Amino acid sequence: MPEIEQFDAIVIGSGQAGNPLAKALAKAGKRTAVIESKHVGGTCVNEGCTPTKTMVASGRVAYLARRGADYGVATGPITINMEKIRERKRAVVKSFREGSERAIKATDCDALIMGEASFAGPKLVRVQAKDGAERLIAAELIFINTGLRSSVPELEGIADVPYLDNASVMELGEVPEHLVVLGGGYIGLEFGQLFRRLGSRVTIVQSGTKLLGREDDDVAEEVRKILVQDGVGVLLNTKAYSVWKDDGGIAVAVSGSEGERTINGSHLLLAVGRVPNTDKLNPAAAGIELDERGYIRVDEFLETNVSGVYALGDVKGGPAFTHISYDDYRVAAANVLEGKRISIAGRMVPSTLFIDPELGRIGLTEAEARSQGLKVRIAKMPASSVARALETDESRGFLKIIVDAETDQILGAAILAVEGGEMASMIQIAMMGKLPFTALRDGIWSHPTWSEALNTVFFNFQH
């Protein structure tokens, strides 16, 4: 058995919480070990935000090029160079990843260990390095930031067919002829629209009665209409139950409201959810509790049931967004290094679905507000009522803002528009400052911008 190495802190996973936290710990004088099983930067940099948005940008260029005639610009037929798109994506990822790695090495962190971590006991971690060497390291402070991975559904035949996940689909060297997507959440919709724009036939199979199951019905339906307008096939309330190889591609047997049918495709993308990376961590050896789905249980200060052991980012459950992971770092650093008691309870959770147009979200949905017994007013306006939308011929979608009828405070918003994410951020700032909706309604916004929609949307209360 190797000799136990003693550190002040151990960070397992170098994602968007672990990476900056390791630097903060080292800067505070704590001898810190960072353990990373795959690559520095975590999911966001390597398989999530950075590569997907790089490719989505290529898809938007293709979309606008095809629409050139709408703007009086003759572009002619376009061709897609998938290898060039992949090359650009890889270059951006490499730049971000190497930047993250340099940032860690530039601090006083004593060790960046590449290997698989697992608990060998309370406050004791075993690391199986890639070269086969084994190390045992111990620390009184341990931070787990191991993230999630794509889940594989229990589907007859799935073990016998080649399938893609959110990472491997971005490594394709050619455009799929027909991409079949299982799942109608963020990952499925972003990749579905992207590959349709690159020239694939796309079919999205969603077991639920609507896309984006947590959104209001009108928002989900408008997203569906936009995807269908772009040529994406969307099957709702349809469950896949079997898959097999067929004529050089794949076949998926599904059952839905229209009965049973077989969908033949060239590629299959699994986008039915993600599972926490705790199965190899052996948390039981440290007495760390998991919930029924394998997520690490934490309190409102991100601490597990074991004193001095914390979980940050996606592995603890809850909203799986990069910005939440980064805020977890902020909370953990303040509490551990500065002696504060910052809670994650009740914090605002913004999100953006990067289809085109974007869906920016903040706060409560209408359904959530009503389920809480709140008296609400709904301000809603089509994007086509915004001058900027008409001038740029980007008028799909709508703005929907939920207002407390008794206090005039904004409770939430869904902005389905070209600048939906940025618009939702403006509304979030107003919510953070507890401004009444009238402050946005009566504000002076530069013309012609998307922002001036805030002048008019509040004159469109539906009820």
Protein backbone atom coordinates (compact mmCIF):
# COMPACT_ATOMS: atom_id res chain seq x y z
CA MET A 1 0.00 0.00 0.00
CA PRO A 2 1.42 3.43 -0.91
CA GLU A 3 2.32 5.90 1.80
CA ILE A 4 -0.43 8.39 2.65
CA GLU A 5 0.31 11.91 1.41
CA GLN A 6 -1.13 14.70 3.51
CA PHE A 7 -2.73 17.81 2.01
CA ASP A 8 -4.80 20.62 3.45
CA ALA A 9 -7.47 20.29 0.76
CA ILE A 10 -8.44 17.93 -2.03
CA VAL A 11 -10.56 18.98 -5.01
CA ILE A 12 -11.96 16.03 -6.98
CA GLY A 13 -12.84 17.27 -10.46
CA SER A 14 -11.62 20.42 -12.21
CA GLY A 15 -14.91 21.74 -13.55
CA GLN A 16 -16.40 25.18 -13.25
CA ALA A 17 -16.54 24.92 -9.45
CA GLY A 18 -13.46 22.83 -8.74
CA ASN A 19 -11.04 24.76 -10.93
CA PRO A 20 -11.51 28.26 -9.43
CA LEU A 21 -11.93 26.81 -5.94
CA ALA A 22 -8.57 25.05 -6.16
CA LYS A 23 -6.94 28.35 -7.08
CA ALA A 24 -8.67 30.14 -4.20
CA LEU A 25 -7.59 27.46 -1.73
CA ALA A 26 -4.00 27.60 -2.91
CA LYS A 27 -3.98 31.38 -2.79
CA ALA A 28 -5.18 31.17 0.81
CA GLY A 29 -2.10 29.11 1.65
CA LYS A 30 -3.66 25.67 1.71
CA ARG A 31 -1.68 22.82 0.20
CA THR A 32 -4.16 21.63 -2.39
CA ALA A 33 -4.40 18.56 -4.62
CA VAL A 34 -6.60 18.62 -7.71
CA ILE A 35 -7.64 15.23 -9.07
CA GLU A 36 -8.98 15.05 -12.62
CA SER A 37 -9.97 11.81 -14.34
CA LYS A 38 -10.22 13.03 -17.92
CA HIS A 39 -9.40 16.64 -18.77
CA VAL A 40 -9.11 19.96 -17.00
CA GLY A 41 -12.10 22.26 -17.38
CA GLY A 42 -14.89 19.76 -16.82
CA THR A 43 -17.94 19.19 -18.97
CA CYS A 44 -18.55 22.83 -19.84
CA VAL A 45 -15.21 23.43 -21.51
CA ASN A 46 -14.74 20.00 -23.04
CA GLU A 47 -18.15 18.51 -23.92
CA GLY A 48 -20.76 21.10 -22.96
CA CYS A 49 -21.10 24.84 -23.35
CA THR A 50 -17.91 25.69 -25.22
CA PRO A 51 -18.00 23.09 -28.02
CA THR A 52 -21.77 23.08 -28.49
CA LYS A 53 -22.08 26.84 -28.79
CA THR A 54 -19.12 26.86 -31.19
CA MET A 55 -20.98 24.41 -33.42
CA VAL A 56 -24.33 26.17 -32.96
CA ALA A 57 -22.63 29.28 -34.37
CA SER A 58 -21.75 27.31 -37.51
CA GLY A 59 -25.35 26.17 -37.77
CA ARG A 60 -26.61 29.74 -37.55
CA VAL A 61 -24.25 30.84 -40.32
CA ALA A 62 -25.63 28.05 -42.52
CA TYR A 63 -29.18 29.12 -41.65
CA LEU A 64 -28.55 32.76 -42.54
CA ALA A 65 -26.68 31.84 -45.71
CA ARG A 66 -29.71 29.89 -46.93
CA ARG A 67 -31.89 32.90 -46.11
CA GLY A 68 -29.68 35.31 -48.04
CA ALA A 69 -32.35 35.96 -50.67
CA ASP A 70 -34.74 37.18 -47.92
CA TYR A 71 -32.32 40.05 -47.37
CA GLY A 72 -31.62 40.71 -51.05
CA VAL A 73 -28.28 38.92 -50.94
CA ALA A 74 -27.64 36.21 -53.52
CA THR A 75 -25.47 33.50 -51.94
CA GLY A 76 -26.15 30.48 -54.13
CA PRO A 77 -26.01 26.87 -52.94
CA ILE A 78 -24.01 26.30 -49.75
CA THR A 79 -21.93 23.31 -48.75
CA ILE A 80 -21.16 22.05 -45.27
CA ASN A 81 -17.61 21.04 -44.35
CA MET A 82 -18.19 19.00 -41.21
CA GLU A 83 -14.50 18.38 -40.72
CA LYS A 84 -13.84 22.13 -40.72
CA ILE A 85 -16.65 22.69 -38.20
CA ARG A 86 -15.16 19.97 -36.01
CA GLU A 87 -11.66 21.42 -36.41
CA ARG A 88 -12.84 24.86 -35.31
CA LYS A 89 -14.67 23.34 -32.34
CA ARG A 90 -11.61 21.37 -31.28
CA ALA A 91 -9.38 24.45 -31.54
CA VAL A 92 -11.64 26.53 -29.30
CA VAL A 93 -11.94 23.70 -26.76
CA LYS A 94 -8.17 23.16 -26.76
CA SER A 95 -7.59 26.87 -26.13
CA PHE A 96 -10.05 26.97 -23.21
CA ARG A 97 -8.80 23.70 -21.71
CA GLU A 98 -5.15 24.66 -21.87
CA GLY A 99 -5.99 28.04 -20.38
CA SER A 100 -7.69 26.33 -17.45
CA GLU A 101 -4.75 24.00 -16.96
CA ARG A 102 -2.23 26.84 -17.08
CA ALA A 103 -4.30 28.76 -14.52
CA ILE A 104 -4.15 25.84 -12.06
CA LYS A 105 -0.44 25.28 -12.57
CA ALA A 106 0.26 28.99 -12.17
CA THR A 107 -1.10 28.91 -8.61
CA ASP A 108 0.55 27.36 -5.59
CA CYS A 109 -1.45 24.13 -5.95
CA ASP A 110 1.00 21.40 -5.06
CA ALA A 111 -0.47 18.73 -7.28
CA LEU A 112 -2.58 18.30 -10.40
CA ILE A 113 -3.11 14.56 -10.45
CA MET A 114 -4.58 12.94 -13.54
CA GLY A 115 -6.40 9.79 -12.48
CA GLU A 116 -9.55 8.20 -11.11
CA ALA A 117 -10.42 9.15 -7.53
CA SER A 118 -12.29 7.02 -5.02
CA PHE A 119 -12.68 7.20 -1.28
CA ALA A 120 -10.63 4.71 0.71
CA GLY A 121 -11.93 5.92 4.07
CA PRO A 122 -12.98 9.05 5.91
CA LYS A 123 -10.96 12.00 4.54
CA LEU A 124 -8.83 9.55 2.54
CA VAL A 125 -8.79 9.36 -1.27
CA ARG A 126 -7.23 6.71 -3.50
CA VAL A 127 -6.09 7.86 -6.95
CA GLN A 128 -5.53 5.39 -9.76
CA ALA A 129 -3.31 7.31 -12.15
CA LYS A 130 -3.44 6.80 -15.89
CA ASP A 131 0.00 5.19 -15.81
CA GLY A 132 -1.27 2.58 -13.35
CA ALA A 133 0.39 4.06 -10.29
CA GLU A 134 -1.68 4.35 -7.14
CA ARG A 135 -1.57 7.17 -4.61
CA LEU A 136 -3.30 7.68 -1.28
CA ILE A 137 -3.93 11.28 -0.26
CA ALA A 138 -5.65 12.68 2.78
CA ALA A 139 -7.02 16.09 3.76
CA GLU A 140 -9.43 17.60 6.24
CA LEU A 141 -11.17 19.57 3.48
CA ILE A 142 -12.50 17.67 0.46
CA PHE A 143 -14.56 19.14 -2.38
CA ILE A 144 -16.32 16.86 -4.88
CA ASN A 145 -16.99 18.32 -8.34
CA THR A 146 -17.28 15.20 -10.48
CA GLY A 147 -20.30 16.23 -12.56
CA LEU A 148 -22.64 14.14 -14.68
CA ARG A 149 -22.54 11.93 -17.74
CA SER A 150 -25.11 10.91 -20.32
CA SER A 151 -27.50 8.21 -19.21
CA VAL A 152 -28.25 5.20 -21.38
CA PRO A 153 -31.92 4.22 -21.38
CA GLU A 154 -33.14 0.69 -20.74
CA LEU A 155 -34.00 0.05 -24.34
CA GLU A 156 -34.11 -3.35 -25.99
CA GLY A 157 -31.10 -3.75 -28.28
CA ILE A 158 -29.28 -0.59 -27.16
CA ALA A 159 -26.13 -2.53 -26.26
CA ASP A 160 -25.87 -3.86 -29.81
CA VAL A 161 -26.09 -0.63 -31.81
CA PRO A 162 -23.72 2.30 -32.20
CA TYR A 163 -25.17 5.38 -30.55
CA LEU A 164 -24.06 8.93 -29.93
CA ASP A 165 -24.14 11.07 -26.80
CA ASN A 166 -23.60 14.78 -26.27
CA ALA A 167 -19.82 14.36 -26.59
CA SER A 168 -19.45 11.86 -29.43
CA VAL A 169 -22.02 13.56 -31.65
CA MET A 170 -19.66 16.55 -31.89
CA GLU A 171 -16.86 14.34 -33.17
CA LEU A 172 -18.66 13.29 -36.34
CA GLY A 173 -16.66 13.94 -39.50
CA GLU A 174 -19.71 14.01 -41.74
CA VAL A 175 -23.26 15.27 -41.57
CA PRO A 176 -25.68 12.47 -40.60
CA GLU A 177 -28.21 11.63 -43.29
CA HIS A 178 -30.97 11.12 -40.71
CA LEU A 179 -30.32 11.80 -37.03
CA VAL A 180 -32.83 10.23 -34.66
CA VAL A 181 -32.79 11.99 -31.28
CA LEU A 182 -34.25 10.37 -28.18
CA GLY A 183 -35.19 13.14 -25.75
CA GLY A 184 -36.81 16.55 -25.99
CA GLY A 185 -34.79 18.49 -23.42
CA TYR A 186 -32.01 21.04 -23.82
CA ILE A 187 -29.44 18.67 -25.34
CA GLY A 188 -31.84 17.03 -27.77
CA LEU A 189 -33.28 20.30 -29.03
CA GLU A 190 -29.98 22.12 -29.46
CA PHE A 191 -28.40 19.27 -31.41
CA GLY A 192 -31.61 18.57 -33.30
CA GLN A 193 -31.85 22.08 -34.71
CA LEU A 194 -28.08 22.28 -35.26
CA PHE A 195 -27.86 19.17 -37.42
CA ARG A 196 -31.01 20.09 -39.31
CA ARG A 197 -29.33 23.38 -40.22
CA LEU A 198 -26.22 21.49 -41.30
CA GLY A 199 -28.36 19.42 -43.66
CA SER A 200 -29.48 16.35 -41.73
CA ARG A 201 -32.97 15.02 -41.63
CA VAL A 202 -33.81 15.05 -37.92
CA THR A 203 -36.50 13.28 -35.90
CA ILE A 204 -36.89 14.03 -32.18
CA VAL A 205 -38.70 11.37 -30.13
CA GLN A 206 -40.09 12.71 -26.86
CA SER A 207 -41.86 10.45 -24.40
CA GLY A 208 -43.60 13.36 -22.66
CA THR A 209 -46.65 15.20 -23.92
CA LYS A 210 -44.54 18.29 -24.68
CA LEU A 211 -40.96 19.35 -25.21
CA LEU A 212 -39.11 20.91 -22.27
CA GLY A 213 -41.24 19.29 -19.61
CA ARG A 214 -40.68 22.00 -16.99
CA GLU A 215 -41.77 24.88 -19.21
CA ASP A 216 -45.26 26.34 -19.49
CA ASP A 217 -47.35 24.69 -22.17
CA ASP A 218 -47.44 27.79 -24.40
CA VAL A 219 -43.64 28.15 -24.28
CA ALA A 220 -43.06 24.48 -25.08
CA GLU A 221 -45.55 24.58 -27.94
CA GLU A 222 -43.97 27.66 -29.48
CA VAL A 223 -40.56 25.98 -29.34
CA ARG A 224 -42.06 22.94 -31.09
CA LYS A 225 -43.54 25.13 -33.82
CA ILE A 226 -40.19 26.81 -34.44
CA LEU A 227 -38.38 23.48 -34.75
CA VAL A 228 -41.04 22.11 -37.08
CA GLN A 229 -40.79 25.27 -39.18
CA ASP A 230 -37.07 24.58 -39.47
CA GLY A 231 -37.85 21.10 -40.77
CA VAL A 232 -37.26 19.07 -37.61
CA GLY A 233 -39.65 16.17 -37.08
CA VAL A 234 -41.04 16.14 -33.54
CA LEU A 235 -42.91 13.16 -32.13
CA LEU A 236 -44.56 13.87 -28.77
CA ASN A 237 -46.00 11.36 -26.33
CA THR A 238 -43.97 8.73 -28.14
CA LYS A 239 -41.86 6.09 -26.41
CA ALA A 240 -39.00 4.18 -27.99
CA TYR A 241 -38.95 0.55 -26.90
CA SER A 242 -36.51 -1.22 -29.23
CA VAL A 243 -33.54 -0.41 -31.46
CA TRP A 244 -31.47 -2.45 -33.90
CA LYS A 245 -29.00 -2.16 -36.77
CA ASP A 246 -30.66 -1.86 -40.12
CA ASP A 247 -29.21 -1.48 -43.61
CA GLY A 248 -26.07 0.30 -42.47
CA GLY A 249 -27.95 2.50 -40.05
CA ILE A 250 -30.28 2.11 -37.10
CA ALA A 251 -33.98 1.42 -36.66
CA VAL A 252 -36.03 2.53 -33.68
CA ALA A 253 -39.38 1.02 -32.82
CA VAL A 254 -41.68 3.52 -31.13
CA SER A 255 -45.18 3.57 -29.76
CA GLY A 256 -47.32 6.67 -29.49
CA SER A 257 -50.74 8.17 -29.98
CA GLU A 258 -50.63 7.13 -33.63
CA GLY A 259 -49.78 3.53 -32.79
CA GLU A 260 -46.55 1.65 -33.36
CA ARG A 261 -44.07 2.50 -36.08
CA THR A 262 -40.42 2.11 -37.02
CA ILE A 263 -38.10 5.05 -37.60
CA ASN A 264 -35.12 4.32 -39.81
CA GLY A 265 -32.10 6.58 -39.40
CA SER A 266 -28.41 6.77 -40.06
CA HIS A 267 -27.43 7.86 -36.53
CA LEU A 268 -28.95 7.68 -33.06
CA LEU A 269 -28.39 10.37 -30.41
CA LEU A 270 -29.27 9.61 -26.80
CA ALA A 271 -30.41 12.75 -24.98
CA VAL A 272 -32.72 11.31 -22.33
CA GLY A 273 -30.95 12.67 -19.28
CA ARG A 274 -27.75 12.54 -17.28
CA VAL A 275 -26.55 10.63 -14.23
CA PRO A 276 -24.09 11.65 -11.50
CA ASN A 277 -20.50 10.47 -11.56
CA THR A 278 -20.58 8.89 -8.12
CA ASP A 279 -20.56 5.19 -9.01
CA LYS A 280 -16.73 4.97 -9.07
CA LEU A 281 -16.25 7.41 -6.20
CA ASN A 282 -17.04 4.87 -3.45
CA PRO A 283 -18.62 7.53 -1.20
CA ALA A 284 -19.78 4.86 1.26
CA ALA A 285 -16.18 4.37 2.36
CA ALA A 286 -16.22 7.94 3.65
CA GLY A 287 -19.76 7.71 5.01
CA ILE A 288 -21.08 10.20 2.44
CA GLU A 289 -24.82 9.94 1.82
CA LEU A 290 -26.37 9.77 -1.66
CA ASP A 291 -29.98 10.23 -2.63
CA GLU A 292 -32.02 7.58 -4.43
CA ARG A 293 -30.69 8.71 -7.83
CA GLY A 294 -27.03 8.70 -6.84
CA TYR A 295 -26.59 12.44 -6.25
CA ILE A 296 -24.59 13.56 -3.21
CA ARG A 297 -26.78 15.03 -0.49
CA VAL A 298 -25.73 18.49 0.70
CA ASP A 299 -27.14 21.12 3.02
CA GLU A 300 -27.79 24.74 2.07
CA PHE A 301 -24.08 25.46 2.56
CA LEU A 302 -23.00 22.67 0.16
CA GLU A 303 -21.64 20.48 2.97
CA THR A 304 -22.35 16.75 2.95
CA ASN A 305 -23.31 14.80 6.06
CA VAL A 306 -19.56 14.40 6.68
CA SER A 307 -18.04 17.52 8.22
CA GLY A 308 -15.45 19.12 5.96
CA VAL A 309 -16.60 17.30 2.83
CA TYR A 310 -18.51 19.35 0.26
CA ALA A 311 -20.15 18.66 -3.10
CA LEU A 312 -20.35 21.31 -5.80
CA GLY A 313 -21.89 21.57 -9.24
CA ASP A 314 -24.03 18.99 -10.99
CA VAL A 315 -23.05 16.01 -8.80
CA LYS A 316 -25.14 17.35 -5.90
CA GLY A 317 -28.34 17.46 -7.99
CA GLY A 318 -30.47 20.48 -8.71
CA PRO A 319 -30.04 22.77 -11.74
CA ALA A 320 -27.25 21.42 -13.95
CA PHE A 321 -25.88 24.67 -15.32
CA THR A 322 -22.31 25.94 -15.51
CA HIS A 323 -23.21 29.22 -13.86
CA ILE A 324 -24.67 27.34 -10.88
CA SER A 325 -21.42 25.37 -10.54
CA TYR A 326 -19.47 28.61 -10.59
CA ASP A 327 -21.75 30.11 -7.95
CA ASP A 328 -21.19 26.99 -5.85
CA TYR A 329 -17.47 27.84 -5.94
CA ARG A 330 -18.26 31.37 -4.77
CA VAL A 331 -20.38 30.06 -1.90
CA ALA A 332 -17.90 27.38 -0.82
CA ALA A 333 -14.91 29.72 -0.98
CA ALA A 334 -16.65 32.40 1.07
CA ASN A 335 -17.86 29.94 3.70
CA VAL A 336 -14.70 27.88 4.07
CA LEU A 337 -12.04 30.54 3.60
CA GLU A 338 -13.80 33.62 4.97
CA GLY A 339 -15.95 32.08 7.66
CA LYS A 340 -19.19 33.28 6.10
CA ARG A 341 -22.52 31.43 6.07
CA ILE A 342 -23.79 32.01 2.55
CA SER A 343 -26.72 29.77 1.66
CA ILE A 344 -27.73 28.47 -1.75
CA ALA A 345 -31.37 28.38 -0.69
CA GLY A 346 -33.64 30.56 -2.80
CA ARG A 347 -30.98 31.78 -5.21
CA MET A 348 -32.09 32.81 -8.68
CA VAL A 349 -31.41 30.26 -11.41
CA PRO A 350 -31.23 31.74 -14.91
CA SER A 351 -30.92 29.51 -17.95
CA THR A 352 -30.77 29.79 -21.71
CA LEU A 353 -31.73 27.16 -24.25
CA PHE A 354 -29.46 27.85 -27.22
CA ILE A 355 -31.77 27.01 -30.03
CA ASP A 356 -32.42 29.85 -32.47
CA PRO A 357 -34.23 31.93 -31.35
CA GLU A 358 -32.96 31.49 -27.80
CA LEU A 359 -35.15 30.74 -24.83
CA GLY A 360 -33.98 32.81 -21.87
CA ARG A 361 -35.51 31.84 -18.51
CA ILE A 362 -35.47 33.32 -15.04
CA GLY A 363 -37.62 32.84 -11.96
CA LEU A 364 -40.98 31.10 -11.79
CA THR A 365 -43.01 29.79 -14.69
CA GLU A 366 -46.67 30.70 -14.80
CA ALA A 367 -47.61 27.18 -13.71
CA GLU A 368 -45.21 27.30 -10.76
CA ALA A 369 -46.50 30.69 -9.62
CA ARG A 370 -50.13 29.56 -9.75
CA SER A 371 -49.33 26.29 -7.99
CA GLN A 372 -47.94 28.37 -5.12
CA GLY A 373 -51.25 30.20 -4.86
CA LEU A 374 -49.83 33.50 -6.05
CA LYS A 375 -52.07 36.03 -7.76
CA VAL A 376 -50.35 36.80 -11.02
CA ARG A 377 -50.67 38.93 -14.13
CA ILE A 378 -49.16 37.67 -17.37
CA ALA A 379 -47.55 40.14 -19.77
CA LYS A 380 -47.11 38.54 -23.17
CA MET A 381 -46.18 39.92 -26.57
CA PRO A 382 -45.06 38.34 -29.85
CA ALA A 383 -41.51 39.06 -30.95
CA SER A 384 -43.00 40.39 -34.17
CA SER A 385 -44.15 43.43 -32.20
CA VAL A 386 -40.54 44.47 -31.64
CA ALA A 387 -39.15 46.87 -34.24
CA ARG A 388 -35.69 45.31 -34.12
CA ALA A 389 -37.17 41.90 -34.87
CA LEU A 390 -38.86 43.16 -38.02
CA GLU A 391 -35.84 45.15 -39.16
CA THR A 392 -33.61 42.07 -38.90
CA ASP A 393 -36.33 39.64 -40.08
CA GLU A 394 -35.91 37.63 -36.87
CA SER A 395 -39.44 37.80 -35.51
CA ARG A 396 -40.12 34.28 -34.26
CA GLY A 397 -41.05 33.69 -30.63
CA PHE A 398 -42.55 35.81 -27.86
CA LEU A 399 -41.89 37.50 -24.52
CA LYS A 400 -43.73 36.27 -21.45
CA ILE A 401 -43.31 37.88 -18.03
CA ILE A 402 -45.03 36.80 -14.81
CA VAL A 403 -45.86 39.64 -12.38
CA ASP A 404 -47.20 39.47 -8.83
CA ALA A 405 -50.61 41.14 -9.06
CA GLU A 406 -50.41 42.42 -5.49
CA THR A 407 -46.84 43.76 -5.31
CA ASP A 408 -46.00 44.50 -8.99
CA GLN A 409 -42.78 42.49 -8.49
CA ILE A 410 -41.58 40.39 -11.40
CA LEU A 411 -41.71 36.69 -10.51
CA GLY A 412 -40.28 35.19 -13.67
CA ALA A 413 -39.91 35.41 -17.41
CA ALA A 414 -39.54 33.32 -20.54
CA ILE A 415 -38.05 35.24 -23.47
CA LEU A 416 -38.13 33.25 -26.70
CA ALA A 417 -36.32 35.59 -29.05
CA VAL A 418 -33.02 36.05 -30.87
CA GLU A 419 -31.54 37.79 -27.82
CA GLY A 420 -33.61 35.81 -25.32
CA GLY A 421 -30.75 35.04 -22.96
CA GLU A 422 -29.60 38.66 -22.77
CA MET A 423 -33.16 39.94 -22.35
CA ALA A 424 -33.82 37.51 -19.51
CA SER A 425 -30.65 38.78 -17.83
CA MET A 426 -32.02 42.33 -17.92
CA ILE A 427 -35.18 41.15 -16.22
CA GLN A 428 -33.12 39.20 -13.69
CA ILE A 429 -31.26 42.38 -12.73
CA ALA A 430 -34.59 44.09 -12.09
CA MET A 431 -35.68 41.15 -9.95
CA MET A 432 -32.42 41.24 -7.99
CA GLY A 433 -32.99 44.93 -7.30
CA LYS A 434 -36.65 44.27 -6.43
CA LEU A 435 -37.80 46.80 -8.98
CA PRO A 436 -41.51 46.79 -9.85
CA PHE A 437 -42.37 46.01 -13.45
CA THR A 438 -43.25 49.68 -13.94
CA ALA A 439 -39.55 50.59 -13.68
CA LEU A 440 -38.89 48.57 -16.83
CA ARG A 441 -42.07 49.71 -18.52
CA ASP A 442 -41.20 53.37 -17.98
CA GLY A 443 -37.46 53.09 -18.63
CA ILE A 444 -35.78 54.74 -21.61
CA TRP A 445 -34.17 52.08 -23.78
CA SER A 446 -32.06 52.70 -26.83
CA HIS A 447 -33.93 52.45 -30.13
CA PRO A 448 -33.98 50.22 -32.05
CA THR A 449 -32.91 47.43 -29.68
CA TRP A 450 -34.57 44.35 -28.27
CA SER A 451 -34.46 46.04 -24.88
CA GLU A 452 -37.19 48.51 -25.77
CA ALA A 453 -39.62 45.60 -25.84
CA LEU A 454 -39.67 46.17 -22.08
CA ASN A 455 -41.54 49.42 -22.75
CA THR A 456 -44.36 47.68 -24.55
CA VAL A 457 -44.68 44.14 -23.20
CA PHE A 458 -46.24 45.40 -19.97
CA PHE A 459 -49.06 47.03 -21.91
CA ASN A 460 -50.08 43.51 -22.95
CA PHE A 461 -51.30 41.93 -19.73
CA GLN A 462 -53.52 38.99 -20.65
CA HIS A 463 -55.12 38.36 -17.28
